[in-house]
Amino acid sequence: DVVINNAGRSIRRPIDESYDRFHDFTRTIDVNYLGPVRLLLTLLPGMRERGRGHIVNISTWGVRMPPAPRWSAYGASKGAFDIWLRTVATEIAADGVTTTSIYMPLVHTRMSAPTDFSGIPGLTADEAANLVCHAVVTRPIEISPWWTGAVQAWTDLRRGAAQRFMERSAGRRSGE
């Protein structure tokens, strides 16, 4: 049994434009976190009983980076499922069920198109699909861009510096 979670509702909006849009947060959490949890709560008993199965979660490299301005709903929802699945993985491994978290870099798709990522390197949908196929066949614990480990370590060691960097980045983007 293989489950591929590719849930993705992306939303990029400044917090000051979100005060009266709580529904955006609930919709994003429903799709990116609660939907996959509900599905796996239904499928996991059978996978564990059979003693086999593999779950592939398509996450985002953003989960491993300092929090980025304007991505609060998306980042929180993807982070929530990432933590949930990694926690569950510790409980189901003894039953023969494995997991892979893919911390996908930018993939140029219709979902990413509304945010202007032109000129920023990213994967094609076919390249992203190849990563997913690799995860299904080889079953690594994670697949992540090579540079995310170093950035995550820097963020963990220097949280204040990382946050100030992102704060300055947000100010430049908003014209401050």
N, C-alpha and C. Protein backbone atom coordinates (compact mmCIF):
# COMPACT_ATOMS: atom_id res chain seq x y z
N ASP A 1 0.84 -1.18 0.00
CA ASP A 1 0.00 0.00 0.00
C ASP A 1 0.88 1.24 0.00
N VAL A 2 0.55 2.18 -0.86
CA VAL A 2 1.27 3.45 -0.91
C VAL A 2 0.25 4.57 -0.91
N VAL A 3 0.48 5.54 -0.04
CA VAL A 3 -0.35 6.75 -0.01
C VAL A 3 0.58 7.91 -0.34
N ILE A 4 0.17 8.71 -1.30
CA ILE A 4 0.92 9.92 -1.64
C ILE A 4 0.05 11.11 -1.28
N ASN A 5 0.49 11.87 -0.29
CA ASN A 5 -0.23 13.06 0.12
C ASN A 5 0.36 14.26 -0.61
N ASN A 6 -0.42 14.78 -1.53
CA ASN A 6 0.01 15.96 -2.27
C ASN A 6 -0.98 17.09 -2.02
N ALA A 7 -1.56 17.10 -0.81
CA ALA A 7 -2.51 18.16 -0.49
C ALA A 7 -1.81 19.50 -0.57
N GLY A 8 -2.43 20.42 -1.21
CA GLY A 8 -1.80 21.73 -1.31
C GLY A 8 -2.78 22.83 -1.64
N ARG A 9 -3.04 23.64 -0.66
CA ARG A 9 -3.77 24.87 -0.88
C ARG A 9 -2.80 25.97 -0.46
N SER A 10 -2.43 26.77 -1.40
CA SER A 10 -1.45 27.81 -1.14
C SER A 10 -2.15 29.14 -1.04
N ILE A 11 -1.71 29.93 -0.09
CA ILE A 11 -2.23 31.28 0.03
C ILE A 11 -1.09 32.16 0.51
N ARG A 12 -0.93 33.28 -0.13
CA ARG A 12 0.12 34.24 0.22
C ARG A 12 -0.54 35.59 0.40
N ARG A 13 -0.58 36.04 1.65
CA ARG A 13 -1.25 37.30 1.92
C ARG A 13 -0.64 37.92 3.17
N PRO A 14 -0.42 39.23 3.17
CA PRO A 14 0.06 39.89 4.39
C PRO A 14 -0.97 39.77 5.51
N ILE A 15 -0.49 39.75 6.73
CA ILE A 15 -1.39 39.60 7.87
C ILE A 15 -2.38 40.76 7.97
N ASP A 16 -1.97 41.96 7.59
CA ASP A 16 -2.90 43.09 7.70
C ASP A 16 -4.04 43.02 6.69
N GLU A 17 -3.92 42.15 5.71
CA GLU A 17 -5.02 41.93 4.77
C GLU A 17 -5.79 40.65 5.11
N SER A 18 -5.46 40.05 6.25
CA SER A 18 -6.07 38.78 6.65
C SER A 18 -6.95 38.89 7.88
N TYR A 19 -7.01 40.05 8.51
CA TYR A 19 -7.75 40.19 9.76
C TYR A 19 -9.20 39.73 9.65
N ASP A 20 -9.85 40.01 8.54
CA ASP A 20 -11.25 39.62 8.38
C ASP A 20 -11.41 38.42 7.43
N ARG A 21 -10.34 37.62 7.32
CA ARG A 21 -10.37 36.49 6.39
C ARG A 21 -10.01 35.18 7.09
N PHE A 22 -10.57 34.96 8.28
CA PHE A 22 -10.28 33.75 9.03
C PHE A 22 -10.59 32.50 8.21
N HIS A 23 -11.58 32.60 7.33
CA HIS A 23 -11.95 31.46 6.48
C HIS A 23 -10.78 30.99 5.62
N ASP A 24 -9.87 31.89 5.24
CA ASP A 24 -8.70 31.46 4.47
C ASP A 24 -7.83 30.52 5.28
N PHE A 25 -7.70 30.79 6.57
CA PHE A 25 -6.90 29.93 7.43
C PHE A 25 -7.57 28.58 7.64
N THR A 26 -8.88 28.58 7.87
CA THR A 26 -9.57 27.30 8.09
C THR A 26 -9.57 26.45 6.82
N ARG A 27 -9.76 27.06 5.68
CA ARG A 27 -9.72 26.29 4.43
C ARG A 27 -8.34 25.70 4.18
N THR A 28 -7.32 26.48 4.45
CA THR A 28 -5.95 26.01 4.23
C THR A 28 -5.61 24.88 5.18
N ILE A 29 -5.98 25.01 6.44
CA ILE A 29 -5.75 23.95 7.43
C ILE A 29 -6.55 22.71 7.06
N ASP A 30 -7.80 22.89 6.60
CA ASP A 30 -8.63 21.73 6.22
C ASP A 30 -7.98 20.92 5.10
N VAL A 31 -7.45 21.60 4.10
CA VAL A 31 -6.87 20.89 2.95
C VAL A 31 -5.48 20.34 3.27
N ASN A 32 -4.63 21.16 3.86
CA ASN A 32 -3.22 20.77 4.02
C ASN A 32 -2.94 19.95 5.26
N TYR A 33 -3.80 20.00 6.27
CA TYR A 33 -3.54 19.27 7.51
C TYR A 33 -4.67 18.30 7.86
N LEU A 34 -5.86 18.82 8.09
CA LEU A 34 -6.93 17.95 8.59
C LEU A 34 -7.37 16.90 7.58
N GLY A 35 -7.41 17.23 6.30
CA GLY A 35 -7.79 16.24 5.28
C GLY A 35 -6.84 15.06 5.25
N PRO A 36 -5.53 15.29 5.14
CA PRO A 36 -4.59 14.16 5.16
C PRO A 36 -4.61 13.37 6.47
N VAL A 37 -4.80 14.06 7.60
CA VAL A 37 -4.89 13.34 8.88
C VAL A 37 -6.10 12.40 8.86
N ARG A 38 -7.24 12.93 8.44
CA ARG A 38 -8.45 12.09 8.40
C ARG A 38 -8.27 10.89 7.48
N LEU A 39 -7.70 11.11 6.31
CA LEU A 39 -7.47 10.01 5.38
C LEU A 39 -6.57 8.95 6.00
N LEU A 40 -5.47 9.37 6.60
CA LEU A 40 -4.54 8.40 7.17
C LEU A 40 -5.10 7.70 8.41
N LEU A 41 -5.92 8.38 9.19
CA LEU A 41 -6.56 7.71 10.32
C LEU A 41 -7.47 6.58 9.84
N THR A 42 -7.97 6.72 8.63
CA THR A 42 -8.81 5.67 8.04
C THR A 42 -7.97 4.55 7.45
N LEU A 43 -6.84 4.89 6.81
CA LEU A 43 -6.03 3.88 6.11
C LEU A 43 -5.00 3.18 6.99
N LEU A 44 -4.51 3.86 8.02
CA LEU A 44 -3.43 3.28 8.83
C LEU A 44 -3.77 1.96 9.51
N PRO A 45 -4.97 1.76 10.04
CA PRO A 45 -5.23 0.47 10.69
C PRO A 45 -5.01 -0.72 9.75
N GLY A 46 -5.47 -0.62 8.51
CA GLY A 46 -5.27 -1.71 7.55
C GLY A 46 -3.81 -1.89 7.16
N MET A 47 -3.10 -0.79 6.98
CA MET A 47 -1.68 -0.87 6.64
C MET A 47 -0.92 -1.56 7.78
N ARG A 48 -1.20 -1.17 9.00
CA ARG A 48 -0.50 -1.75 10.15
C ARG A 48 -0.86 -3.22 10.31
N GLU A 49 -2.11 -3.55 10.09
CA GLU A 49 -2.56 -4.94 10.22
C GLU A 49 -1.86 -5.84 9.19
N ARG A 50 -1.70 -5.34 7.96
CA ARG A 50 -1.03 -6.11 6.91
C ARG A 50 0.49 -6.11 7.08
N GLY A 51 1.00 -5.19 7.89
CA GLY A 51 2.43 -5.13 8.16
C GLY A 51 3.25 -4.52 7.03
N ARG A 52 2.62 -3.66 6.26
CA ARG A 52 3.35 -3.01 5.18
C ARG A 52 2.59 -1.75 4.75
N GLY A 53 3.33 -0.90 4.09
CA GLY A 53 2.76 0.33 3.56
C GLY A 53 3.79 1.43 3.58
N HIS A 54 3.56 2.41 2.74
CA HIS A 54 4.47 3.54 2.66
C HIS A 54 3.65 4.80 2.42
N ILE A 55 3.96 5.84 3.18
CA ILE A 55 3.28 7.13 3.06
C ILE A 55 4.30 8.15 2.59
N VAL A 56 3.99 8.83 1.51
CA VAL A 56 4.85 9.89 0.98
C VAL A 56 4.10 11.21 1.16
N ASN A 57 4.71 12.12 1.88
CA ASN A 57 4.12 13.44 2.07
C ASN A 57 4.90 14.47 1.26
N ILE A 58 4.17 15.18 0.41
CA ILE A 58 4.77 16.28 -0.34
C ILE A 58 4.62 17.53 0.54
N SER A 59 5.71 17.89 1.17
CA SER A 59 5.73 19.07 2.02
C SER A 59 6.37 20.20 1.22
N THR A 60 6.93 21.15 1.88
CA THR A 60 7.57 22.28 1.23
C THR A 60 8.90 22.57 1.90
N TRP A 61 9.84 23.02 1.11
CA TRP A 61 11.13 23.39 1.70
C TRP A 61 10.94 24.50 2.72
N GLY A 62 9.86 25.24 2.62
CA GLY A 62 9.57 26.32 3.55
C GLY A 62 9.43 25.86 4.99
N VAL A 63 9.07 24.59 5.20
CA VAL A 63 8.95 24.05 6.55
C VAL A 63 10.32 24.02 7.24
N ARG A 64 11.37 23.93 6.44
CA ARG A 64 12.73 23.83 6.99
C ARG A 64 13.46 25.17 7.01
N MET A 65 12.77 26.23 6.61
CA MET A 65 13.37 27.56 6.52
C MET A 65 12.83 28.47 7.62
N PRO A 66 13.45 29.64 7.79
CA PRO A 66 12.85 30.62 8.71
C PRO A 66 11.46 31.00 8.19
N PRO A 67 10.52 31.28 9.08
CA PRO A 67 9.18 31.66 8.62
C PRO A 67 9.25 32.86 7.67
N ALA A 68 8.56 32.73 6.55
CA ALA A 68 8.61 33.75 5.50
C ALA A 68 7.39 34.65 5.57
N PRO A 69 7.58 35.94 5.40
CA PRO A 69 6.46 36.88 5.41
C PRO A 69 5.39 36.48 4.39
N ARG A 70 4.16 36.68 4.76
CA ARG A 70 2.98 36.49 3.91
C ARG A 70 2.56 35.03 3.71
N TRP A 71 3.24 34.10 4.34
CA TRP A 71 2.94 32.68 4.15
C TRP A 71 2.43 32.03 5.44
N SER A 72 1.83 32.80 6.35
CA SER A 72 1.47 32.25 7.66
C SER A 72 0.48 31.09 7.57
N ALA A 73 -0.56 31.21 6.79
CA ALA A 73 -1.55 30.13 6.70
C ALA A 73 -0.95 28.88 6.06
N TYR A 74 -0.28 29.06 4.95
CA TYR A 74 0.31 27.93 4.24
C TYR A 74 1.40 27.26 5.08
N GLY A 75 2.34 28.04 5.60
CA GLY A 75 3.43 27.48 6.38
C GLY A 75 2.95 26.75 7.61
N ALA A 76 1.99 27.32 8.32
CA ALA A 76 1.48 26.68 9.52
C ALA A 76 0.78 25.36 9.19
N SER A 77 0.01 25.33 8.12
CA SER A 77 -0.72 24.11 7.78
C SER A 77 0.22 23.00 7.31
N LYS A 78 1.21 23.36 6.50
CA LYS A 78 2.17 22.35 6.04
C LYS A 78 3.06 21.88 7.19
N GLY A 79 3.44 22.81 8.07
CA GLY A 79 4.23 22.45 9.23
C GLY A 79 3.47 21.53 10.17
N ALA A 80 2.19 21.79 10.36
CA ALA A 80 1.37 20.96 11.24
C ALA A 80 1.34 19.51 10.75
N PHE A 81 1.10 19.32 9.46
CA PHE A 81 1.06 17.94 8.96
C PHE A 81 2.44 17.30 8.99
N ASP A 82 3.47 18.07 8.71
CA ASP A 82 4.83 17.53 8.76
C ASP A 82 5.14 16.98 10.15
N ILE A 83 4.85 17.74 11.17
CA ILE A 83 5.08 17.29 12.56
C ILE A 83 4.21 16.08 12.87
N TRP A 84 2.94 16.13 12.47
CA TRP A 84 2.03 15.02 12.74
C TRP A 84 2.56 13.73 12.13
N LEU A 85 2.94 13.79 10.85
CA LEU A 85 3.39 12.57 10.17
C LEU A 85 4.70 12.06 10.76
N ARG A 86 5.64 12.94 11.04
CA ARG A 86 6.91 12.49 11.61
C ARG A 86 6.70 11.87 12.99
N THR A 87 5.74 12.40 13.74
CA THR A 87 5.42 11.82 15.05
C THR A 87 4.78 10.44 14.88
N VAL A 88 3.81 10.34 14.00
CA VAL A 88 3.14 9.07 13.74
C VAL A 88 4.14 8.04 13.21
N ALA A 89 5.10 8.48 12.41
CA ALA A 89 6.10 7.55 11.85
C ALA A 89 6.83 6.79 12.95
N THR A 90 7.05 7.43 14.10
CA THR A 90 7.74 6.75 15.20
C THR A 90 6.88 5.63 15.79
N GLU A 91 5.58 5.73 15.64
CA GLU A 91 4.67 4.72 16.19
C GLU A 91 4.37 3.58 15.23
N ILE A 92 4.43 3.84 13.94
CA ILE A 92 4.00 2.83 12.96
C ILE A 92 5.16 2.05 12.36
N ALA A 93 6.38 2.50 12.59
CA ALA A 93 7.55 1.84 11.99
C ALA A 93 7.64 0.37 12.40
N ALA A 94 7.36 0.08 13.64
CA ALA A 94 7.46 -1.31 14.13
C ALA A 94 6.45 -2.22 13.44
N ASP A 95 5.42 -1.64 12.85
CA ASP A 95 4.40 -2.43 12.15
C ASP A 95 4.67 -2.54 10.65
N GLY A 96 5.84 -2.07 10.20
CA GLY A 96 6.21 -2.20 8.80
C GLY A 96 5.71 -1.09 7.89
N VAL A 97 5.21 -0.02 8.47
CA VAL A 97 4.73 1.11 7.67
C VAL A 97 5.79 2.21 7.74
N THR A 98 6.22 2.66 6.58
CA THR A 98 7.29 3.66 6.49
C THR A 98 6.75 4.97 5.92
N THR A 99 7.54 6.03 6.11
CA THR A 99 7.13 7.34 5.59
C THR A 99 8.32 8.02 4.92
N THR A 100 8.00 8.86 3.97
CA THR A 100 8.98 9.76 3.35
C THR A 100 8.37 11.15 3.32
N SER A 101 9.13 12.12 3.79
CA SER A 101 8.73 13.52 3.68
C SER A 101 9.58 14.15 2.59
N ILE A 102 8.93 14.68 1.58
CA ILE A 102 9.63 15.38 0.52
C ILE A 102 9.46 16.87 0.77
N TYR A 103 10.56 17.55 1.05
CA TYR A 103 10.53 19.00 1.26
C TYR A 103 10.79 19.64 -0.10
N MET A 104 9.72 19.69 -0.87
CA MET A 104 9.78 20.08 -2.27
C MET A 104 10.20 21.54 -2.43
N PRO A 105 11.16 21.77 -3.32
CA PRO A 105 11.46 23.16 -3.65
C PRO A 105 10.34 23.73 -4.52
N LEU A 106 10.50 24.94 -4.97
CA LEU A 106 9.51 25.55 -5.84
C LEU A 106 9.25 24.66 -7.05
N VAL A 107 7.97 24.44 -7.34
CA VAL A 107 7.56 23.73 -8.55
C VAL A 107 6.68 24.70 -9.33
N HIS A 108 7.05 24.95 -10.56
CA HIS A 108 6.29 25.89 -11.38
C HIS A 108 5.01 25.20 -11.88
N THR A 109 3.89 25.56 -11.25
CA THR A 109 2.58 24.98 -11.57
C THR A 109 1.54 26.09 -11.61
N ARG A 110 0.31 25.71 -11.88
CA ARG A 110 -0.78 26.70 -11.83
C ARG A 110 -0.97 27.23 -10.42
N MET A 111 -0.71 26.38 -9.40
CA MET A 111 -0.88 26.84 -8.03
C MET A 111 0.16 27.91 -7.67
N SER A 112 1.38 27.74 -8.15
CA SER A 112 2.42 28.72 -7.81
C SER A 112 2.39 29.94 -8.73
N ALA A 113 1.67 29.86 -9.82
CA ALA A 113 1.65 30.94 -10.81
C ALA A 113 1.17 32.29 -10.29
N PRO A 114 0.16 32.36 -9.41
CA PRO A 114 -0.29 33.68 -8.94
C PRO A 114 0.79 34.48 -8.20
N THR A 115 1.75 33.80 -7.59
CA THR A 115 2.87 34.49 -6.97
C THR A 115 3.96 34.59 -8.02
N ASP A 116 4.48 35.77 -8.21
CA ASP A 116 5.46 35.97 -9.28
C ASP A 116 6.79 35.34 -8.89
N PHE A 117 7.00 34.12 -9.36
CA PHE A 117 8.26 33.42 -9.15
C PHE A 117 9.08 33.40 -10.43
N SER A 118 8.74 34.26 -11.39
CA SER A 118 9.48 34.27 -12.64
C SER A 118 10.95 34.60 -12.36
N GLY A 119 11.80 33.88 -13.02
CA GLY A 119 13.24 34.09 -12.84
C GLY A 119 13.81 33.34 -11.65
N ILE A 120 12.96 32.72 -10.84
CA ILE A 120 13.44 31.94 -9.70
C ILE A 120 13.51 30.48 -10.13
N PRO A 121 14.65 29.85 -9.90
CA PRO A 121 14.78 28.44 -10.31
C PRO A 121 13.75 27.57 -9.59
N GLY A 122 13.24 26.62 -10.31
CA GLY A 122 12.28 25.69 -9.73
C GLY A 122 12.16 24.46 -10.60
N LEU A 123 11.43 23.50 -10.09
CA LEU A 123 11.24 22.25 -10.82
C LEU A 123 10.03 22.36 -11.74
N THR A 124 10.05 21.53 -12.77
CA THR A 124 8.85 21.34 -13.58
C THR A 124 7.99 20.30 -12.87
N ALA A 125 6.75 20.18 -13.28
CA ALA A 125 5.87 19.16 -12.70
C ALA A 125 6.45 17.76 -12.93
N ASP A 126 7.04 17.52 -14.09
CA ASP A 126 7.64 16.21 -14.36
C ASP A 126 8.82 15.92 -13.45
N GLU A 127 9.65 16.93 -13.19
CA GLU A 127 10.79 16.74 -12.29
C GLU A 127 10.30 16.44 -10.86
N ALA A 128 9.26 17.14 -10.44
CA ALA A 128 8.68 16.89 -9.12
C ALA A 128 8.11 15.47 -9.06
N ALA A 129 7.45 15.04 -10.12
CA ALA A 129 6.89 13.69 -10.17
C ALA A 129 8.00 12.64 -10.07
N ASN A 130 9.14 12.91 -10.69
CA ASN A 130 10.27 11.98 -10.58
C ASN A 130 10.75 11.84 -9.14
N LEU A 131 10.75 12.93 -8.39
CA LEU A 131 11.12 12.85 -6.96
C LEU A 131 10.13 11.97 -6.20
N VAL A 132 8.86 12.11 -6.50
CA VAL A 132 7.84 11.30 -5.84
C VAL A 132 8.04 9.83 -6.18
N CYS A 133 8.28 9.53 -7.44
CA CYS A 133 8.53 8.14 -7.85
C CYS A 133 9.76 7.58 -7.13
N HIS A 134 10.80 8.38 -7.02
CA HIS A 134 12.00 7.97 -6.30
C HIS A 134 11.66 7.64 -4.84
N ALA A 135 10.82 8.45 -4.22
CA ALA A 135 10.42 8.21 -2.83
C ALA A 135 9.64 6.91 -2.68
N VAL A 136 8.78 6.63 -3.65
CA VAL A 136 7.98 5.40 -3.59
C VAL A 136 8.87 4.17 -3.72
N VAL A 137 9.85 4.24 -4.60
CA VAL A 137 10.71 3.08 -4.86
C VAL A 137 11.76 2.88 -3.77
N THR A 138 12.46 3.94 -3.39
CA THR A 138 13.60 3.79 -2.47
C THR A 138 13.24 4.01 -1.00
N ARG A 139 12.13 4.67 -0.73
CA ARG A 139 11.62 4.88 0.63
C ARG A 139 12.60 5.54 1.61
N PRO A 140 13.24 6.63 1.21
CA PRO A 140 14.08 7.32 2.18
C PRO A 140 13.19 8.02 3.22
N ILE A 141 13.74 8.36 4.35
CA ILE A 141 12.96 9.07 5.36
C ILE A 141 12.61 10.47 4.88
N GLU A 142 13.54 11.11 4.18
CA GLU A 142 13.24 12.43 3.65
C GLU A 142 14.02 12.70 2.37
N ILE A 143 13.46 13.60 1.60
CA ILE A 143 14.12 14.14 0.41
C ILE A 143 14.00 15.66 0.55
N SER A 144 15.13 16.32 0.45
CA SER A 144 15.14 17.76 0.67
C SER A 144 16.23 18.38 -0.18
N PRO A 145 16.04 19.61 -0.65
CA PRO A 145 17.12 20.27 -1.36
C PRO A 145 18.39 20.28 -0.49
N TRP A 146 19.53 20.13 -1.10
CA TRP A 146 20.78 19.97 -0.37
C TRP A 146 21.05 21.12 0.59
N TRP A 147 20.62 22.31 0.26
CA TRP A 147 20.95 23.49 1.04
C TRP A 147 20.05 23.71 2.24
N THR A 148 18.93 22.99 2.35
CA THR A 148 18.01 23.26 3.45
C THR A 148 18.58 22.86 4.80
N GLY A 149 19.42 21.84 4.85
CA GLY A 149 20.00 21.43 6.13
C GLY A 149 20.85 22.52 6.74
N ALA A 150 21.68 23.15 5.92
CA ALA A 150 22.54 24.23 6.43
C ALA A 150 21.72 25.44 6.86
N VAL A 151 20.70 25.79 6.07
CA VAL A 151 19.87 26.94 6.44
C VAL A 151 19.09 26.64 7.71
N GLN A 152 18.57 25.42 7.83
CA GLN A 152 17.82 25.06 9.03
C GLN A 152 18.74 25.08 10.26
N ALA A 153 19.94 24.59 10.12
CA ALA A 153 20.89 24.61 11.25
C ALA A 153 21.18 26.06 11.65
N TRP A 154 21.42 26.92 10.67
CA TRP A 154 21.69 28.34 10.95
C TRP A 154 20.49 28.96 11.66
N THR A 155 19.28 28.65 11.18
CA THR A 155 18.07 29.18 11.78
C THR A 155 17.93 28.71 13.23
N ASP A 156 18.20 27.44 13.46
CA ASP A 156 18.09 26.90 14.83
C ASP A 156 19.11 27.53 15.76
N LEU A 157 20.32 27.74 15.26
CA LEU A 157 21.39 28.31 16.09
C LEU A 157 21.26 29.82 16.25
N ARG A 158 20.72 30.46 15.24
CA ARG A 158 20.67 31.93 15.22
C ARG A 158 19.25 32.42 14.92
N ARG A 159 18.30 31.97 15.71
CA ARG A 159 16.90 32.29 15.44
C ARG A 159 16.67 33.80 15.34
N GLY A 160 17.26 34.56 16.25
CA GLY A 160 17.08 36.02 16.22
C GLY A 160 17.58 36.62 14.93
N ALA A 161 18.78 36.21 14.50
CA ALA A 161 19.34 36.74 13.25
C ALA A 161 18.48 36.35 12.06
N ALA A 162 18.00 35.11 12.06
CA ALA A 162 17.15 34.65 10.95
C ALA A 162 15.85 35.44 10.91
N GLN A 163 15.26 35.67 12.07
CA GLN A 163 14.00 36.42 12.10
C GLN A 163 14.22 37.86 11.67
N ARG A 164 15.28 38.49 12.12
CA ARG A 164 15.55 39.87 11.70
C ARG A 164 15.76 39.94 10.19
N PHE A 165 16.44 38.94 9.62
CA PHE A 165 16.63 38.89 8.18
C PHE A 165 15.29 38.85 7.46
N MET A 166 14.38 37.99 7.93
CA MET A 166 13.07 37.87 7.28
C MET A 166 12.24 39.15 7.51
N GLU A 167 12.39 39.78 8.67
CA GLU A 167 11.68 41.04 8.92
C GLU A 167 12.13 42.13 7.95
N ARG A 168 13.43 42.20 7.73
CA ARG A 168 13.95 43.19 6.77
C ARG A 168 13.45 42.87 5.36
N SER A 169 13.41 41.60 5.05
CA SER A 169 12.92 41.16 3.74
C SER A 169 11.46 41.57 3.56
N ALA A 170 10.65 41.41 4.59
CA ALA A 170 9.23 41.79 4.51
C ALA A 170 9.10 43.29 4.31
N GLY A 171 9.93 44.08 5.00
CA GLY A 171 9.87 45.53 4.87
C GLY A 171 10.21 45.99 3.47
N ARG A 172 11.21 45.37 2.85
CA ARG A 172 11.59 45.75 1.48
C ARG A 172 10.49 45.43 0.50
N ARG A 173 9.82 44.29 0.68
CA ARG A 173 8.79 43.89 -0.25
C ARG A 173 7.56 44.78 -0.16
N SER A 174 7.29 45.29 1.05
CA SER A 174 6.08 46.11 1.19
C SER A 174 6.35 47.58 0.90
N GLY A 175 7.57 47.89 0.49
CA GLY A 175 7.88 49.25 0.10
C GLY A 175 8.35 50.12 1.25
N GLU A 176 8.61 49.53 2.42
CA GLU A 176 9.06 50.32 3.57
C GLU A 176 10.51 50.69 3.47
